PDB file of N, CA and C in Angstrom:
ATOM      1  N   MET A   1       0.853  -1.164   0.000  1.00  0.00           N
ATOM      2  CA  MET A   1       0.000   0.000   0.000  1.00  0.00           C
ATOM      3  C   MET A   1       0.893   1.218   0.000  1.00  0.00           C
ATOM      4  N   GLY A   2       0.454   2.231  -0.740  1.00  0.00           N
ATOM      5  CA  GLY A   2       1.215   3.466  -0.810  1.00  0.00           C
ATOM      6  C   GLY A   2       0.383   4.543  -1.466  1.00  0.00           C
ATOM      7  N   TYR A   3       1.062   5.502  -2.069  1.00  0.00           N
ATOM      8  CA  TYR A   3       0.407   6.661  -2.666  1.00  0.00           C
ATOM      9  C   TYR A   3       0.919   6.835  -4.091  1.00  0.00           C
ATOM     10  N   ALA A   4       0.027   7.140  -5.024  1.00  0.00           N
ATOM     11  CA  ALA A   4       0.413   7.269  -6.428  1.00  0.00           C
ATOM     12  C   ALA A   4      -0.478   8.278  -7.128  1.00  0.00           C
ATOM     13  N   GLY A   5      -0.028   8.693  -8.299  1.00  0.00           N
ATOM     14  CA  GLY A   5      -0.847   9.522  -9.165  1.00  0.00           C
ATOM     15  C   GLY A   5      -0.733  11.014  -8.955  1.00  0.00           C
ATOM     16  N   GLY A   6       0.152  11.451  -8.101  1.00  0.00           N
ATOM     17  CA  GLY A   6       0.273  12.881  -7.840  1.00  0.00           C
ATOM     18  C   GLY A   6       1.657  13.415  -8.139  1.00  0.00           C
ATOM     19  N   ARG A   7       1.803  14.703  -7.938  1.00  0.00           N
ATOM     20  CA  ARG A   7       3.074  15.362  -8.215  1.00  0.00           C
ATOM     21  C   ARG A   7       3.861  15.713  -6.956  1.00  0.00           C
ATOM     22  N   LYS A   8       3.229  15.713  -5.803  1.00  0.00           N
ATOM     23  CA  LYS A   8       3.899  16.082  -4.554  1.00  0.00           C
ATOM     24  C   LYS A   8       4.962  15.046  -4.190  1.00  0.00           C
ATOM     25  N   GLY A   9       6.136  15.500  -3.817  1.00  0.00           N
ATOM     26  CA  GLY A   9       7.185  14.583  -3.402  1.00  0.00           C
ATOM     27  C   GLY A   9       6.956  14.061  -1.997  1.00  0.00           C
ATOM     28  N   ASN A  10       7.290  12.816  -1.759  1.00  0.00           N
ATOM     29  CA  ASN A  10       7.217  12.187  -0.437  1.00  0.00           C
ATOM     30  C   ASN A  10       5.861  12.338   0.248  1.00  0.00           C
ATOM     31  N   PRO A  11       4.782  11.884  -0.391  1.00  0.00           N
ATOM     32  CA  PRO A  11       3.467  11.993   0.254  1.00  0.00           C
ATOM     33  C   PRO A  11       3.381  11.104   1.497  1.00  0.00           C
ATOM     34  N   THR A  12       2.579  11.535   2.442  1.00  0.00           N
ATOM     35  CA  THR A  12       2.298  10.748   3.641  1.00  0.00           C
ATOM     36  C   THR A  12       0.790  10.738   3.853  1.00  0.00           C
ATOM     37  N   TYR A  13       0.333   9.926   4.788  1.00  0.00           N
ATOM     38  CA  TYR A  13      -1.098   9.830   5.054  1.00  0.00           C
ATOM     39  C   TYR A  13      -1.695  11.193   5.405  1.00  0.00           C
ATOM     40  N   HIS A  14      -0.962  11.994   6.169  1.00  0.00           N
ATOM     41  CA  HIS A  14      -1.479  13.297   6.606  1.00  0.00           C
ATOM     42  C   HIS A  14      -1.137  14.422   5.640  1.00  0.00           C
ATOM     43  N   SER A  15      -0.370  14.122   4.598  1.00  0.00           N
ATOM     44  CA  SER A  15       0.001  15.130   3.620  1.00  0.00           C
ATOM     45  C   SER A  15       0.122  14.472   2.240  1.00  0.00           C
ATOM     46  N   LEU A  16      -1.031  14.137   1.677  1.00  0.00           N
ATOM     47  CA  LEU A  16      -1.066  13.423   0.400  1.00  0.00           C
ATOM     48  C   LEU A  16      -0.838  14.301  -0.816  1.00  0.00           C
ATOM     49  N   GLY A  17      -1.129  15.579  -0.683  1.00  0.00           N
ATOM     50  CA  GLY A  17      -1.107  16.416  -1.880  1.00  0.00           C
ATOM     51  C   GLY A  17      -2.169  15.918  -2.837  1.00  0.00           C
ATOM     52  N   ASP A  18      -1.792  15.704  -4.089  1.00  0.00           N
ATOM     53  CA  ASP A  18      -2.767  15.252  -5.087  1.00  0.00           C
ATOM     54  C   ASP A  18      -2.655  13.758  -5.372  1.00  0.00           C
ATOM     55  N   HIS A  19      -2.077  13.010  -4.460  1.00  0.00           N
ATOM     56  CA  HIS A  19      -1.959  11.556  -4.604  1.00  0.00           C
ATOM     57  C   HIS A  19      -3.232  10.853  -4.123  1.00  0.00           C
ATOM     58  N   SER A  20      -3.326   9.566  -4.457  1.00  0.00           N
ATOM     59  CA  SER A  20      -4.392   8.696  -3.970  1.00  0.00           C
ATOM     60  C   SER A  20      -3.748   7.471  -3.339  1.00  0.00           C
ATOM     61  N   GLU A  21      -4.448   6.870  -2.395  1.00  0.00           N
ATOM     62  CA  GLU A  21      -3.953   5.610  -1.849  1.00  0.00           C
ATOM     63  C   GLU A  21      -4.027   4.563  -2.949  1.00  0.00           C
ATOM     64  N   ALA A  22      -2.993   3.725  -3.021  1.00  0.00           N
ATOM     65  CA  ALA A  22      -2.925   2.738  -4.104  1.00  0.00           C
ATOM     66  C   ALA A  22      -2.152   1.509  -3.643  1.00  0.00           C
ATOM     67  N   ILE A  23      -2.357   0.438  -4.368  1.00  0.00           N
ATOM     68  CA  ILE A  23      -1.514  -0.744  -4.198  1.00  0.00           C
ATOM     69  C   ILE A  23      -0.890  -1.037  -5.553  1.00  0.00           C
ATOM     70  N   GLN A  24       0.301  -1.563  -5.523  1.00  0.00           N
ATOM     71  CA  GLN A  24       0.948  -2.017  -6.753  1.00  0.00           C
ATOM     72  C   GLN A  24       1.131  -3.512  -6.626  1.00  0.00           C
ATOM     73  N   ILE A  25       0.687  -4.235  -7.636  1.00  0.00           N
ATOM     74  CA  ILE A  25       0.747  -5.695  -7.599  1.00  0.00           C
ATOM     75  C   ILE A  25       1.851  -6.168  -8.535  1.00  0.00           C
ATOM     76  N   ASP A  26       2.826  -6.843  -7.966  1.00  0.00           N
ATOM     77  CA  ASP A  26       3.842  -7.507  -8.772  1.00  0.00           C
ATOM     78  C   ASP A  26       3.338  -8.915  -9.023  1.00  0.00           C
ATOM     79  N   TYR A  27       3.320  -9.325 -10.274  1.00  0.00           N
ATOM     80  CA  TYR A  27       2.777 -10.644 -10.597  1.00  0.00           C
ATOM     81  C   TYR A  27       3.617 -11.305 -11.674  1.00  0.00           C
ATOM     82  N   ASP A  28       3.503 -12.598 -11.751  1.00  0.00           N
ATOM     83  CA  ASP A  28       4.190 -13.387 -12.764  1.00  0.00           C
ATOM     84  C   ASP A  28       3.176 -13.702 -13.866  1.00  0.00           C
ATOM     85  N   PRO A  29       3.319 -13.098 -15.048  1.00  0.00           N
ATOM     86  CA  PRO A  29       2.347 -13.327 -16.109  1.00  0.00           C
ATOM     87  C   PRO A  29       2.301 -14.775 -16.601  1.00  0.00           C
ATOM     88  N   GLU A  30       3.272 -15.573 -16.203  1.00  0.00           N
ATOM     89  CA  GLU A  30       3.224 -17.000 -16.531  1.00  0.00           C
ATOM     90  C   GLU A  30       2.229 -17.735 -15.635  1.00  0.00           C
ATOM     91  N   LYS A  31       1.903 -17.128 -14.489  1.00  0.00           N
ATOM     92  CA  LYS A  31       0.989 -17.767 -13.534  1.00  0.00           C
ATOM     93  C   LYS A  31      -0.396 -17.126 -13.512  1.00  0.00           C
ATOM     94  N   VAL A  32      -0.461 -15.838 -13.740  1.00  0.00           N
ATOM     95  CA  VAL A  32      -1.747 -15.134 -13.749  1.00  0.00           C
ATOM     96  C   VAL A  32      -1.670 -14.044 -14.819  1.00  0.00           C
ATOM     97  N   SER A  33      -2.724 -13.910 -15.584  1.00  0.00           N
ATOM     98  CA  SER A  33      -2.729 -12.929 -16.671  1.00  0.00           C
ATOM     99  C   SER A  33      -3.181 -11.562 -16.156  1.00  0.00           C
ATOM    100  N   TYR A  34      -2.842 -10.550 -16.922  1.00  0.00           N
ATOM    101  CA  TYR A  34      -3.305  -9.200 -16.600  1.00  0.00           C
ATOM    102  C   TYR A  34      -4.828  -9.132 -16.686  1.00  0.00           C
ATOM    103  N   GLU A  35      -5.388  -9.877 -17.652  1.00  0.00           N
ATOM    104  CA  GLU A  35      -6.846  -9.924 -17.771  1.00  0.00           C
ATOM    105  C   GLU A  35      -7.500 -10.473 -16.504  1.00  0.00           C
ATOM    106  N   GLU A  36      -6.878 -11.482 -15.886  1.00  0.00           N
ATOM    107  CA  GLU A  36      -7.420 -12.026 -14.636  1.00  0.00           C
ATOM    108  C   GLU A  36      -7.332 -10.981 -13.519  1.00  0.00           C
ATOM    109  N   LEU A  37      -6.246 -10.256 -13.464  1.00  0.00           N
ATOM    110  CA  LEU A  37      -6.134  -9.181 -12.470  1.00  0.00           C
ATOM    111  C   LEU A  37      -7.214  -8.131 -12.693  1.00  0.00           C
ATOM    112  N   LEU A  38      -7.520  -7.826 -13.936  1.00  0.00           N
ATOM    113  CA  LEU A  38      -8.586  -6.868 -14.231  1.00  0.00           C
ATOM    114  C   LEU A  38      -9.950  -7.390 -13.773  1.00  0.00           C
ATOM    115  N   ARG A  39     -10.202  -8.684 -13.960  1.00  0.00           N
ATOM    116  CA  ARG A  39     -11.476  -9.262 -13.488  1.00  0.00           C
ATOM    117  C   ARG A  39     -11.600  -9.111 -11.972  1.00  0.00           C
ATOM    118  N   VAL A  40     -10.504  -9.339 -11.264  1.00  0.00           N
ATOM    119  CA  VAL A  40     -10.522  -9.173  -9.809  1.00  0.00           C
ATOM    120  C   VAL A  40     -10.745  -7.695  -9.454  1.00  0.00           C
ATOM    121  N   PHE A  41     -10.044  -6.808 -10.168  1.00  0.00           N
ATOM    122  CA  PHE A  41     -10.202  -5.370  -9.929  1.00  0.00           C
ATOM    123  C   PHE A  41     -11.656  -4.942 -10.088  1.00  0.00           C
ATOM    124  N   TRP A  42     -12.260  -5.271 -11.240  1.00  0.00           N
ATOM    125  CA  TRP A  42     -13.639  -4.855 -11.491  1.00  0.00           C
ATOM    126  C   TRP A  42     -14.619  -5.535 -10.539  1.00  0.00           C
ATOM    127  N   GLY A  43     -14.300  -6.734 -10.094  1.00  0.00           N
ATOM    128  CA  GLY A  43     -15.182  -7.422  -9.153  1.00  0.00           C
ATOM    129  C   GLY A  43     -15.079  -6.883  -7.745  1.00  0.00           C
ATOM    130  N   GLY A  44     -14.061  -6.087  -7.477  1.00  0.00           N
ATOM    131  CA  GLY A  44     -13.812  -5.615  -6.117  1.00  0.00           C
ATOM    132  C   GLY A  44     -14.380  -4.265  -5.766  1.00  0.00           C
ATOM    133  N   HIS A  45     -14.981  -3.593  -6.719  1.00  0.00           N
ATOM    134  CA  HIS A  45     -15.592  -2.299  -6.399  1.00  0.00           C
ATOM    135  C   HIS A  45     -16.673  -1.956  -7.415  1.00  0.00           C
ATOM    136  N   ASP A  46     -17.486  -0.995  -7.061  1.00  0.00           N
ATOM    137  CA  ASP A  46     -18.538  -0.514  -7.943  1.00  0.00           C
ATOM    138  C   ASP A  46     -17.957   0.621  -8.783  1.00  0.00           C
ATOM    139  N   PRO A  47     -17.714   0.398 -10.077  1.00  0.00           N
ATOM    140  CA  PRO A  47     -17.087   1.425 -10.896  1.00  0.00           C
ATOM    141  C   PRO A  47     -17.966   2.656 -11.116  1.00  0.00           C
ATOM    142  N   GLY A  48     -19.224   2.565 -10.730  1.00  0.00           N
ATOM    143  CA  GLY A  48     -20.119   3.711 -10.871  1.00  0.00           C
ATOM    144  C   GLY A  48     -20.227   4.549  -9.619  1.00  0.00           C
ATOM    145  N   SER A  49     -19.583   4.110  -8.541  1.00  0.00           N
ATOM    146  CA  SER A  49     -19.699   4.864  -7.292  1.00  0.00           C
ATOM    147  C   SER A  49     -18.838   6.125  -7.337  1.00  0.00           C
ATOM    148  N   GLN A  50     -19.348   7.165  -6.710  1.00  0.00           N
ATOM    149  CA  GLN A  50     -18.627   8.433  -6.633  1.00  0.00           C
ATOM    150  C   GLN A  50     -17.641   8.367  -5.471  1.00  0.00           C
ATOM    151  N   SER A  51     -16.371   8.636  -5.748  1.00  0.00           N
ATOM    152  CA  SER A  51     -15.378   8.675  -4.680  1.00  0.00           C
ATOM    153  C   SER A  51     -15.656   9.893  -3.807  1.00  0.00           C
ATOM    154  N   TRP A  52     -15.558   9.715  -2.499  1.00  0.00           N
ATOM    155  CA  TRP A  52     -15.863  10.832  -1.617  1.00  0.00           C
ATOM    156  C   TRP A  52     -14.649  11.689  -1.326  1.00  0.00           C
ATOM    157  N   SER A  53     -13.468  11.284  -1.804  1.00  0.00           N
ATOM    158  CA  SER A  53     -12.285  12.140  -1.719  1.00  0.00           C
ATOM    159  C   SER A  53     -11.254  11.652  -2.724  1.00  0.00           C
ATOM    160  N   ARG A  54     -10.333  12.515  -3.067  1.00  0.00           N
ATOM    161  CA  ARG A  54      -9.266  12.148  -4.004  1.00  0.00           C
ATOM    162  C   ARG A  54      -8.421  11.018  -3.429  1.00  0.00           C
ATOM    163  N   GLN A  55      -8.259  11.012  -2.125  1.00  0.00           N
ATOM    164  CA  GLN A  55      -7.447   9.993  -1.462  1.00  0.00           C
ATOM    165  C   GLN A  55      -7.972   8.593  -1.749  1.00  0.00           C
ATOM    166  N   TYR A  56      -9.268   8.433  -1.846  1.00  0.00           N
ATOM    167  CA  TYR A  56      -9.878   7.117  -2.012  1.00  0.00           C
ATOM    168  C   TYR A  56     -10.565   6.958  -3.367  1.00  0.00           C
ATOM    169  N   ARG A  57     -10.146   7.695  -4.359  1.00  0.00           N
ATOM    170  CA  ARG A  57     -10.826   7.642  -5.661  1.00  0.00           C
ATOM    171  C   ARG A  57     -10.638   6.291  -6.356  1.00  0.00           C
ATOM    172  N   ASN A  58     -11.568   5.977  -7.225  1.00  0.00           N
ATOM    173  CA  ASN A  58     -11.471   4.786  -8.076  1.00  0.00           C
ATOM    174  C   ASN A  58     -10.496   5.108  -9.199  1.00  0.00           C
ATOM    175  N   ILE A  59      -9.381   4.404  -9.226  1.00  0.00           N
ATOM    176  CA  ILE A  59      -8.391   4.674 -10.267  1.00  0.00           C
ATOM    177  C   ILE A  59      -7.660   3.393 -10.624  1.00  0.00           C
ATOM    178  N   LEU A  60      -7.358   3.246 -11.881  1.00  0.00           N
ATOM    179  CA  LEU A  60      -6.610   2.096 -12.373  1.00  0.00           C
ATOM    180  C   LEU A  60      -5.360   2.625 -13.066  1.00  0.00           C
ATOM    181  N   PHE A  61      -4.207   2.241 -12.565  1.00  0.00           N
ATOM    182  CA  PHE A  61      -2.937   2.626 -13.179  1.00  0.00           C
ATOM    183  C   PHE A  61      -2.491   1.510 -14.111  1.00  0.00           C
ATOM    184  N   TYR A  62      -1.895   1.876 -15.224  1.00  0.00           N
ATOM    185  CA  TYR A  62      -1.351   0.888 -16.150  1.00  0.00           C
ATOM    186  C   TYR A  62       0.110   1.234 -16.420  1.00  0.00           C
ATOM    187  N   HIS A  63       0.891   0.228 -16.785  1.00  0.00           N
ATOM    188  CA  HIS A  63       2.331   0.420 -16.962  1.00  0.00           C
ATOM    189  C   HIS A  63       2.780   0.562 -18.410  1.00  0.00           C
ATOM    190  N   ASP A  64       1.956   0.131 -19.352  1.00  0.00           N
ATOM    191  CA  ASP A  64       2.390   0.195 -20.749  1.00  0.00           C
ATOM    192  C   ASP A  64       1.159   0.243 -21.661  1.00  0.00           C
ATOM    193  N   PRO A  65       1.365   0.520 -22.936  1.00  0.00           N
ATOM    194  CA  PRO A  65       0.221   0.616 -23.861  1.00  0.00           C
ATOM    195  C   PRO A  65      -0.627  -0.649 -23.930  1.00  0.00           C
ATOM    196  N   LYS A  66      -0.016  -1.820 -23.812  1.00  0.00           N
ATOM    197  CA  LYS A  66      -0.786  -3.075 -23.865  1.00  0.00           C
ATOM    198  C   LYS A  66      -1.723  -3.180 -22.661  1.00  0.00           C
ATOM    199  N   GLN A  67      -1.210  -2.851 -21.460  1.00  0.00           N
ATOM    200  CA  GLN A  67      -2.069  -2.880 -20.279  1.00  0.00           C
ATOM    201  C   GLN A  67      -3.204  -1.867 -20.416  1.00  0.00           C
ATOM    202  N   LYS A  68      -2.899  -0.691 -20.943  1.00  0.00           N
ATOM    203  CA  LYS A  68      -3.946   0.322 -21.131  1.00  0.00           C
ATOM    204  C   LYS A  68      -5.028  -0.208 -22.061  1.00  0.00           C
ATOM    205  N   GLU A  69      -4.615  -0.807 -23.174  1.00  0.00           N
ATOM    206  CA  GLU A  69      -5.571  -1.359 -24.139  1.00  0.00           C
ATOM    207  C   GLU A  69      -6.459  -2.419 -23.493  1.00  0.00           C
ATOM    208  N   LEU A  70      -5.854  -3.345 -22.752  1.00  0.00           N
ATOM    209  CA  LEU A  70      -6.627  -4.399 -22.088  1.00  0.00           C
ATOM    210  C   LEU A  70      -7.572  -3.822 -21.044  1.00  0.00           C
ATOM    211  N   ALA A  71      -7.100  -2.819 -20.290  1.00  0.00           N
ATOM    212  CA  ALA A  71      -7.941  -2.198 -19.261  1.00  0.00           C
ATOM    213  C   ALA A  71      -9.130  -1.493 -19.893  1.00  0.00           C
ATOM    214  N   LEU A  72      -8.900  -0.764 -20.961  1.00  0.00           N
ATOM    215  CA  LEU A  72     -10.005  -0.062 -21.624  1.00  0.00           C
ATOM    216  C   LEU A  72     -11.009  -1.037 -22.225  1.00  0.00           C
ATOM    217  N   LYS A  73     -10.537  -2.132 -22.795  1.00  0.00           N
ATOM    218  CA  LYS A  73     -11.451  -3.151 -23.326  1.00  0.00           C
ATOM    219  C   LYS A  73     -12.277  -3.775 -22.205  1.00  0.00           C
ATOM    220  N   SER A  74     -11.645  -4.006 -21.056  1.00  0.00           N
ATOM    221  CA  SER A  74     -12.390  -4.590 -19.935  1.00  0.00           C
ATOM    222  C   SER A  74     -13.455  -3.620 -19.445  1.00  0.00           C
ATOM    223  N   ARG A  75     -13.148  -2.315 -19.477  1.00  0.00           N
ATOM    224  CA  ARG A  75     -14.139  -1.322 -19.070  1.00  0.00           C
ATOM    225  C   ARG A  75     -15.288  -1.268 -20.061  1.00  0.00           C
ATOM    226  N   GLU A  76     -14.981  -1.391 -21.349  1.00  0.00           N
ATOM    227  CA  GLU A  76     -16.038  -1.379 -22.366  1.00  0.00           C
ATOM    228  C   GLU A  76     -17.027  -2.516 -22.129  1.00  0.00           C
ATOM    229  N   ARG A  77     -16.529  -3.664 -21.696  1.00  0.00           N
ATOM    230  CA  ARG A  77     -17.431  -4.783 -21.396  1.00  0.00           C
ATOM    231  C   ARG A  77     -18.324  -4.437 -20.206  1.00  0.00           C
ATOM    232  N   LEU A  78     -17.789  -3.675 -19.252  1.00  0.00           N
ATOM    233  CA  LEU A  78     -18.591  -3.267 -18.095  1.00  0.00           C
ATOM    234  C   LEU A  78     -19.651  -2.244 -18.463  1.00  0.00           C
ATOM    235  N   ASP A  79     -19.354  -1.407 -19.445  1.00  0.00           N
ATOM    236  CA  ASP A  79     -20.279  -0.339 -19.803  1.00  0.00           C
ATOM    237  C   ASP A  79     -21.650  -0.864 -20.188  1.00  0.00           C
ATOM    238  N   THR A  80     -21.736  -2.122 -20.566  1.00  0.00           N
ATOM    239  CA  THR A  80     -23.037  -2.685 -20.877  1.00  0.00           C
ATOM    240  C   THR A  80     -23.842  -2.936 -19.604  1.00  0.00           C
ATOM    241  N   ARG A  81     -23.146  -3.046 -18.455  1.00  0.00           N
ATOM    242  CA  ARG A  81     -23.831  -3.285 -17.174  1.00  0.00           C
ATOM    243  C   ARG A  81     -23.977  -2.019 -16.341  1.00  0.00           C
ATOM    244  N   PHE A  82     -23.094  -1.039 -16.541  1.00  0.00           N
ATOM    245  CA  PHE A  82     -23.117   0.198 -15.759  1.00  0.00           C
ATOM    246  C   PHE A  82     -23.293   1.382 -16.700  1.00  0.00           C
ATOM    247  N   SER A  83     -24.230   2.250 -16.385  1.00  0.00           N
ATOM    248  CA  SER A  83     -24.460   3.396 -17.267  1.00  0.00           C
ATOM    249  C   SER A  83     -23.402   4.480 -17.078  1.00  0.00           C
ATOM    250  N   ASP A  84     -22.767   4.532 -15.917  1.00  0.00           N
ATOM    251  CA  ASP A  84     -21.800   5.594 -15.644  1.00  0.00           C
ATOM    252  C   ASP A  84     -20.593   5.013 -14.910  1.00  0.00           C
ATOM    253  N   THR A  85     -19.499   4.787 -15.628  1.00  0.00           N
ATOM    254  CA  THR A  85     -18.283   4.275 -15.008  1.00  0.00           C
ATOM    255  C   THR A  85     -17.426   5.460 -14.614  1.00  0.00           C
ATOM    256  N   ARG A  86     -17.182   5.625 -13.309  1.00  0.00           N
ATOM    257  CA  ARG A  86     -16.422   6.779 -12.812  1.00  0.00           C
ATOM    258  C   ARG A  86     -14.976   6.447 -12.479  1.00  0.00           C
ATOM    259  N   THR A  87     -14.521   5.270 -12.821  1.00  0.00           N
ATOM    260  CA  THR A  87     -13.142   4.894 -12.543  1.00  0.00           C
ATOM    261  C   THR A  87     -12.219   5.685 -13.462  1.00  0.00           C
ATOM    262  N   SER A  88     -11.179   6.294 -12.874  1.00  0.00           N
ATOM    263  CA  SER A  88     -10.196   7.076 -13.633  1.00  0.00           C
ATOM    264  C   SER A  88      -9.127   6.157 -14.210  1.00  0.00           C
ATOM    265  N   TRP A  89      -8.420   6.656 -15.213  1.00  0.00           N
ATOM    266  CA  TRP A  89      -7.343   5.926 -15.876  1.00  0.00           C
ATOM    267  C   TRP A  89      -6.110   6.785 -15.847  1.00  0.00           C
ATOM    268  N   ARG A  90      -4.972   6.184 -15.579  1.00  0.00           N
ATOM    269  CA  ARG A  90      -3.747   6.954 -15.542  1.00  0.00           C
ATOM    270  C   ARG A  90      -2.547   6.075 -15.816  1.00  0.00           C
ATOM    271  N   SER A  91      -1.603   6.628 -16.542  1.00  0.00           N
ATOM    272  CA  SER A  91      -0.337   5.941 -16.728  1.00  0.00           C
ATOM    273  C   SER A  91       0.333   5.835 -15.367  1.00  0.00           C
ATOM    274  N   SER A  92       0.962   4.724 -15.107  1.00  0.00           N
ATOM    275  CA  SER A  92       1.543   4.487 -13.795  1.00  0.00           C
ATOM    276  C   SER A  92       2.648   5.470 -13.479  1.00  0.00           C
ATOM    277  N   ALA A  93       2.567   6.005 -12.289  1.00  0.00           N
ATOM    278  CA  ALA A  93       3.618   6.845 -11.730  1.00  0.00           C
ATOM    279  C   ALA A  93       4.243   6.050 -10.601  1.00  0.00           C
ATOM    280  N   PRO A  94       5.403   6.438 -10.156  1.00  0.00           N
ATOM    281  CA  PRO A  94       5.990   5.700  -9.034  1.00  0.00           C
ATOM    282  C   PRO A  94       5.035   5.664  -7.841  1.00  0.00           C
ATOM    283  N   CYS A  95       5.003   4.536  -7.196  1.00  0.00           N
ATOM    284  CA  CYS A  95       4.169   4.357  -6.007  1.00  0.00           C
ATOM    285  C   CYS A  95       5.063   4.558  -4.792  1.00  0.00           C
ATOM    286  N   THR A  96       4.761   5.546  -3.972  1.00  0.00           N
ATOM    287  CA  THR A  96       5.525   5.803  -2.755  1.00  0.00           C
ATOM    288  C   THR A  96       4.957   4.947  -1.644  1.00  0.00           C
ATOM    289  N   PRO A  97       5.744   4.044  -1.073  1.00  0.00           N
ATOM    290  CA  PRO A  97       5.221   3.194   0.002  1.00  0.00           C
ATOM    291  C   PRO A  97       4.793   4.031   1.204  1.00  0.00           C
ATOM    292  N   SER A  98       3.722   3.588   1.858  1.00  0.00           N
ATOM    293  CA  SER A  98       3.305   4.285   3.074  1.00  0.00           C
ATOM    294  C   SER A  98       4.293   3.947   4.177  1.00  0.00           C
ATOM    295  N   SER A  99       4.352   4.810   5.162  1.00  0.00           N
ATOM    296  CA  SER A  99       5.315   4.593   6.251  1.00  0.00           C
ATOM    297  C   SER A  99       4.874   3.490   7.202  1.00  0.00           C
ATOM    298  N   ARG A 100       3.571   3.210   7.216  1.00  0.00           N
ATOM    299  CA  ARG A 100       3.060   2.182   8.124  1.00  0.00           C
ATOM    300  C   ARG A 100       1.892   1.473   7.467  1.00  0.00           C
ATOM    301  N   ILE A 101       1.932   0.185   7.472  1.00  0.00           N
ATOM    302  CA  ILE A 101       0.829  -0.613   6.935  1.00  0.00           C
ATOM    303  C   ILE A 101       0.191  -1.336   8.100  1.00  0.00           C
ATOM    304  N   SER A 102      -1.104  -1.137   8.296  1.00  0.00           N
ATOM    305  CA  SER A 102      -1.811  -1.788   9.408  1.00  0.00           C
ATOM    306  C   SER A 102      -2.434  -3.061   8.942  1.00  0.00           C
TER     307      SER A 102
END
């Protein structure tokens, strides 16, 4: 768990700046596909829900053009079930680890 998506250096829980809380998943594509990770992502939250703060916003970071393409295609499949998808998209920025994980 950490903070990503912002420009402020060294974000912390009490001083996030324009960052959001995020997790970065390291995975072995030989064991699990990016598409499977996307299914878990979409199954884990309501993409139509309004985030009540920037800190907890719905956001999906991608690392390369292929991941972006797969993520957008997965969202298009959801659009048939949800009239308003509020999940943001962003190219991955460095994830600053939080100082304490509970």
